[in-house]
Structure formats: C-alpha cells, structure tokens
Amino acid sequence: MKKVVNFLKQNWLKMVTWATISGIVIGAFYWFEWRPSQIRKECNNQVESAGVEQSVALSGEQYIKWQSIKAGFYNACLRKKGLEK
C-alpha cells in the first residue's frame, strides 16, 4: 500500500495530464465522429420510414420529385440536430 501511495505522490502530475489528454481525445471522438454518425442514421431512418409507402406508387418524374423532397427532409433533420447550417 505504501508503494502505491508513494507512486501516486511522485507521479500525480503525469497521471492528471494523462487523464486530461485521454478525456479530450475521447470527447473529440464522440463529438466529431460518433455523434454525427448516429444523427445521420436517425435522420435517414426517419426519412426512409416516412417515404416507403409513397415511393412505391410513384414513377418517372414524380419519383424524382419525391427523392428531392426526401433530401430536403433529410437536410432539415440534420439542421435541426445541429449538423448542417
């Protein structure tokens, strides 16, 4: 037990620095990689589930218009969640 206490007394700055750097790296990964991918999946699922029935009956020019409407909904969802401006 004394060895552990002495080790912590001698290396507390290294431990705090390591914990801080680790926290920053993990936080950056979450904010810039994990969170955006989860938001994109959620928005895509919302748009796809809303448009499955309607896209089956459409053809030609109507289908193209429907695709652009879906893209608009997808982009609006991303803006709402804070990914797009």
N, C-alpha and C. Protein backbone atom coordinates (compact mmCIF):
# COMPACT_ATOMS: atom_id res chain seq x y z
N MET A 1 0.82 -1.20 0.00
CA MET A 1 0.00 0.00 0.00
C MET A 1 0.86 1.26 0.00
N LYS A 2 1.98 1.21 0.75
CA LYS A 2 2.86 2.38 0.79
C LYS A 2 3.48 2.66 -0.58
N LYS A 3 3.75 1.58 -1.33
CA LYS A 3 4.35 1.76 -2.65
C LYS A 3 3.39 2.50 -3.58
N VAL A 4 2.12 2.16 -3.49
CA VAL A 4 1.12 2.81 -4.33
C VAL A 4 1.00 4.28 -3.96
N VAL A 5 0.95 4.57 -2.68
CA VAL A 5 0.84 5.96 -2.22
C VAL A 5 2.07 6.76 -2.64
N ASN A 6 3.23 6.18 -2.49
CA ASN A 6 4.45 6.87 -2.91
C ASN A 6 4.47 7.10 -4.43
N PHE A 7 4.03 6.09 -5.18
CA PHE A 7 3.97 6.23 -6.63
C PHE A 7 3.04 7.37 -7.02
N LEU A 8 1.86 7.44 -6.37
CA LEU A 8 0.91 8.50 -6.68
C LEU A 8 1.44 9.87 -6.28
N LYS A 9 2.13 9.95 -5.16
CA LYS A 9 2.71 11.22 -4.73
C LYS A 9 3.77 11.70 -5.71
N GLN A 10 4.55 10.78 -6.23
CA GLN A 10 5.63 11.16 -7.14
C GLN A 10 5.15 11.44 -8.56
N ASN A 11 4.06 10.79 -8.98
CA ASN A 11 3.63 10.88 -10.38
C ASN A 11 2.24 11.47 -10.56
N TRP A 12 1.76 12.24 -9.62
CA TRP A 12 0.40 12.76 -9.72
C TRP A 12 0.23 13.67 -10.93
N LEU A 13 1.23 14.46 -11.26
CA LEU A 13 1.10 15.36 -12.41
C LEU A 13 1.00 14.57 -13.71
N LYS A 14 1.79 13.51 -13.85
CA LYS A 14 1.72 12.67 -15.04
C LYS A 14 0.34 12.01 -15.15
N MET A 15 -0.18 11.55 -14.02
CA MET A 15 -1.49 10.89 -14.02
C MET A 15 -2.61 11.86 -14.41
N VAL A 16 -2.56 13.07 -13.87
CA VAL A 16 -3.57 14.08 -14.19
C VAL A 16 -3.45 14.48 -15.67
N THR A 17 -2.23 14.66 -16.14
CA THR A 17 -2.02 15.01 -17.55
C THR A 17 -2.54 13.91 -18.46
N TRP A 18 -2.23 12.66 -18.14
CA TRP A 18 -2.69 11.53 -18.94
C TRP A 18 -4.22 11.45 -18.94
N ALA A 19 -4.85 11.64 -17.79
CA ALA A 19 -6.31 11.59 -17.70
C ALA A 19 -6.95 12.73 -18.49
N THR A 20 -6.34 13.91 -18.43
CA THR A 20 -6.87 15.06 -19.17
C THR A 20 -6.78 14.84 -20.68
N ILE A 21 -5.62 14.40 -21.14
CA ILE A 21 -5.44 14.14 -22.57
C ILE A 21 -6.38 13.04 -23.04
N SER A 22 -6.52 11.99 -22.26
CA SER A 22 -7.44 10.90 -22.61
C SER A 22 -8.87 11.41 -22.70
N GLY A 23 -9.26 12.23 -21.75
CA GLY A 23 -10.62 12.79 -21.77
C GLY A 23 -10.87 13.66 -22.98
N ILE A 24 -9.89 14.45 -23.36
CA ILE A 24 -10.02 15.31 -24.54
C ILE A 24 -10.13 14.47 -25.81
N VAL A 25 -9.31 13.44 -25.94
CA VAL A 25 -9.34 12.59 -27.13
C VAL A 25 -10.68 11.85 -27.22
N ILE A 26 -11.14 11.29 -26.11
CA ILE A 26 -12.42 10.58 -26.10
C ILE A 26 -13.57 11.54 -26.40
N GLY A 27 -13.54 12.72 -25.82
CA GLY A 27 -14.58 13.71 -26.08
C GLY A 27 -14.60 14.16 -27.53
N ALA A 28 -13.43 14.37 -28.11
CA ALA A 28 -13.36 14.77 -29.52
C ALA A 28 -13.88 13.66 -30.42
N PHE A 29 -13.53 12.42 -30.13
CA PHE A 29 -14.04 11.31 -30.93
C PHE A 29 -15.55 11.25 -30.86
N TYR A 30 -16.10 11.38 -29.67
CA TYR A 30 -17.56 11.35 -29.53
C TYR A 30 -18.21 12.48 -30.32
N TRP A 31 -17.70 13.70 -30.14
CA TRP A 31 -18.35 14.87 -30.71
C TRP A 31 -18.22 14.93 -32.23
N PHE A 32 -17.08 14.55 -32.77
CA PHE A 32 -16.84 14.71 -34.20
C PHE A 32 -17.05 13.44 -35.03
N GLU A 33 -17.11 12.27 -34.41
CA GLU A 33 -17.27 11.02 -35.15
C GLU A 33 -18.56 10.27 -34.76
N TRP A 34 -18.68 9.91 -33.51
CA TRP A 34 -19.79 9.06 -33.07
C TRP A 34 -21.13 9.78 -33.16
N ARG A 35 -21.23 10.97 -32.59
CA ARG A 35 -22.48 11.72 -32.55
C ARG A 35 -23.00 12.02 -33.95
N PRO A 36 -22.18 12.56 -34.86
CA PRO A 36 -22.71 12.83 -36.20
C PRO A 36 -23.18 11.57 -36.94
N SER A 37 -22.45 10.47 -36.77
CA SER A 37 -22.89 9.25 -37.47
C SER A 37 -24.22 8.75 -36.93
N GLN A 38 -24.44 8.86 -35.63
CA GLN A 38 -25.71 8.44 -35.05
C GLN A 38 -26.85 9.37 -35.49
N ILE A 39 -26.58 10.65 -35.59
CA ILE A 39 -27.61 11.60 -36.05
C ILE A 39 -27.96 11.32 -37.50
N ARG A 40 -26.96 11.07 -38.34
CA ARG A 40 -27.23 10.76 -39.76
C ARG A 40 -28.06 9.49 -39.90
N LYS A 41 -27.75 8.46 -39.10
CA LYS A 41 -28.53 7.23 -39.14
C LYS A 41 -29.97 7.50 -38.74
N GLU A 42 -30.16 8.26 -37.66
CA GLU A 42 -31.51 8.56 -37.18
C GLU A 42 -32.31 9.34 -38.21
N CYS A 43 -31.70 10.35 -38.81
CA CYS A 43 -32.39 11.14 -39.82
C CYS A 43 -32.72 10.29 -41.05
N ASN A 44 -31.79 9.46 -41.47
CA ASN A 44 -32.04 8.59 -42.62
C ASN A 44 -33.20 7.63 -42.32
N ASN A 45 -33.22 7.06 -41.13
CA ASN A 45 -34.31 6.15 -40.76
C ASN A 45 -35.65 6.86 -40.73
N GLN A 46 -35.68 8.09 -40.23
CA GLN A 46 -36.92 8.86 -40.19
C GLN A 46 -37.44 9.13 -41.60
N VAL A 47 -36.56 9.54 -42.49
CA VAL A 47 -36.96 9.85 -43.86
C VAL A 47 -37.40 8.59 -44.59
N GLU A 48 -36.65 7.52 -44.44
CA GLU A 48 -36.98 6.27 -45.13
C GLU A 48 -38.30 5.68 -44.62
N SER A 49 -38.52 5.71 -43.33
CA SER A 49 -39.76 5.13 -42.80
C SER A 49 -40.97 5.95 -43.21
N ALA A 50 -40.80 7.24 -43.39
CA ALA A 50 -41.91 8.09 -43.80
C ALA A 50 -42.22 7.95 -45.28
N GLY A 51 -41.26 7.55 -46.10
CA GLY A 51 -41.47 7.56 -47.54
C GLY A 51 -41.59 6.21 -48.20
N VAL A 52 -41.58 5.14 -47.46
CA VAL A 52 -41.61 3.80 -48.08
C VAL A 52 -42.92 3.59 -48.85
N GLU A 53 -44.04 3.87 -48.23
CA GLU A 53 -45.32 3.62 -48.88
C GLU A 53 -45.53 4.52 -50.09
N GLN A 54 -45.12 5.76 -50.00
CA GLN A 54 -45.39 6.71 -51.07
C GLN A 54 -44.50 6.49 -52.28
N SER A 55 -43.27 6.07 -52.08
CA SER A 55 -42.37 5.92 -53.21
C SER A 55 -42.72 4.71 -54.07
N VAL A 56 -43.47 3.75 -53.53
CA VAL A 56 -43.84 2.55 -54.29
C VAL A 56 -44.79 2.92 -55.43
N ALA A 57 -45.71 3.83 -55.21
CA ALA A 57 -46.73 4.17 -56.19
C ALA A 57 -46.25 5.19 -57.22
N LEU A 58 -45.08 5.77 -57.04
CA LEU A 58 -44.61 6.82 -57.94
C LEU A 58 -43.73 6.25 -59.03
N SER A 59 -43.69 6.94 -60.15
CA SER A 59 -42.79 6.53 -61.22
C SER A 59 -42.37 7.76 -62.02
N GLY A 60 -41.22 7.65 -62.66
CA GLY A 60 -40.73 8.71 -63.54
C GLY A 60 -40.45 10.01 -62.83
N GLU A 61 -41.07 11.07 -63.38
CA GLU A 61 -40.82 12.42 -62.87
C GLU A 61 -41.30 12.58 -61.44
N GLN A 62 -42.39 11.94 -61.08
CA GLN A 62 -42.90 12.02 -59.71
C GLN A 62 -41.91 11.42 -58.72
N TYR A 63 -41.29 10.33 -59.12
CA TYR A 63 -40.31 9.68 -58.24
C TYR A 63 -39.11 10.59 -58.03
N ILE A 64 -38.66 11.27 -59.07
CA ILE A 64 -37.53 12.20 -58.95
C ILE A 64 -37.89 13.34 -58.01
N LYS A 65 -39.11 13.88 -58.15
CA LYS A 65 -39.55 14.95 -57.25
C LYS A 65 -39.60 14.45 -55.81
N TRP A 66 -40.10 13.22 -55.63
CA TRP A 66 -40.19 12.65 -54.29
C TRP A 66 -38.79 12.50 -53.68
N GLN A 67 -37.81 12.10 -54.47
CA GLN A 67 -36.44 11.96 -53.98
C GLN A 67 -35.89 13.32 -53.53
N SER A 68 -36.19 14.38 -54.28
CA SER A 68 -35.71 15.70 -53.87
C SER A 68 -36.42 16.17 -52.59
N ILE A 69 -37.68 15.81 -52.44
CA ILE A 69 -38.41 16.16 -51.20
C ILE A 69 -37.79 15.41 -50.02
N LYS A 70 -37.48 14.12 -50.23
CA LYS A 70 -36.84 13.34 -49.16
C LYS A 70 -35.49 13.94 -48.78
N ALA A 71 -34.74 14.39 -49.78
CA ALA A 71 -33.44 15.01 -49.49
C ALA A 71 -33.63 16.28 -48.68
N GLY A 72 -34.67 17.02 -48.99
CA GLY A 72 -34.97 18.23 -48.21
C GLY A 72 -35.31 17.91 -46.76
N PHE A 73 -36.11 16.86 -46.55
CA PHE A 73 -36.44 16.44 -45.18
C PHE A 73 -35.20 15.97 -44.43
N TYR A 74 -34.35 15.23 -45.13
CA TYR A 74 -33.10 14.75 -44.52
C TYR A 74 -32.23 15.92 -44.09
N ASN A 75 -32.06 16.89 -44.97
CA ASN A 75 -31.24 18.07 -44.65
C ASN A 75 -31.86 18.88 -43.52
N ALA A 76 -33.20 18.97 -43.50
CA ALA A 76 -33.87 19.69 -42.42
C ALA A 76 -33.65 18.98 -41.08
N CYS A 77 -33.67 17.65 -41.11
CA CYS A 77 -33.42 16.88 -39.88
C CYS A 77 -31.99 17.13 -39.40
N LEU A 78 -31.03 17.13 -40.32
CA LEU A 78 -29.64 17.38 -39.93
C LEU A 78 -29.49 18.78 -39.33
N ARG A 79 -30.15 19.77 -39.93
CA ARG A 79 -30.07 21.13 -39.39
C ARG A 79 -30.69 21.20 -38.01
N LYS A 80 -31.83 20.51 -37.84
CA LYS A 80 -32.50 20.51 -36.54
C LYS A 80 -31.61 19.92 -35.46
N LYS A 81 -30.84 18.90 -35.81
CA LYS A 81 -29.96 18.23 -34.84
C LYS A 81 -28.61 18.93 -34.70
N GLY A 82 -28.36 19.96 -35.51
CA GLY A 82 -27.14 20.75 -35.36
C GLY A 82 -25.95 20.32 -36.21
N LEU A 83 -26.18 19.51 -37.26
CA LEU A 83 -25.07 19.10 -38.08
C LEU A 83 -24.84 19.97 -39.30
N GLU A 84 -25.89 20.58 -39.81
CA GLU A 84 -25.78 21.40 -41.01
C GLU A 84 -26.23 22.82 -40.67
N LYS A 85 -25.75 23.74 -41.47
CA LYS A 85 -26.14 25.15 -41.27
C LYS A 85 -27.26 25.52 -42.18
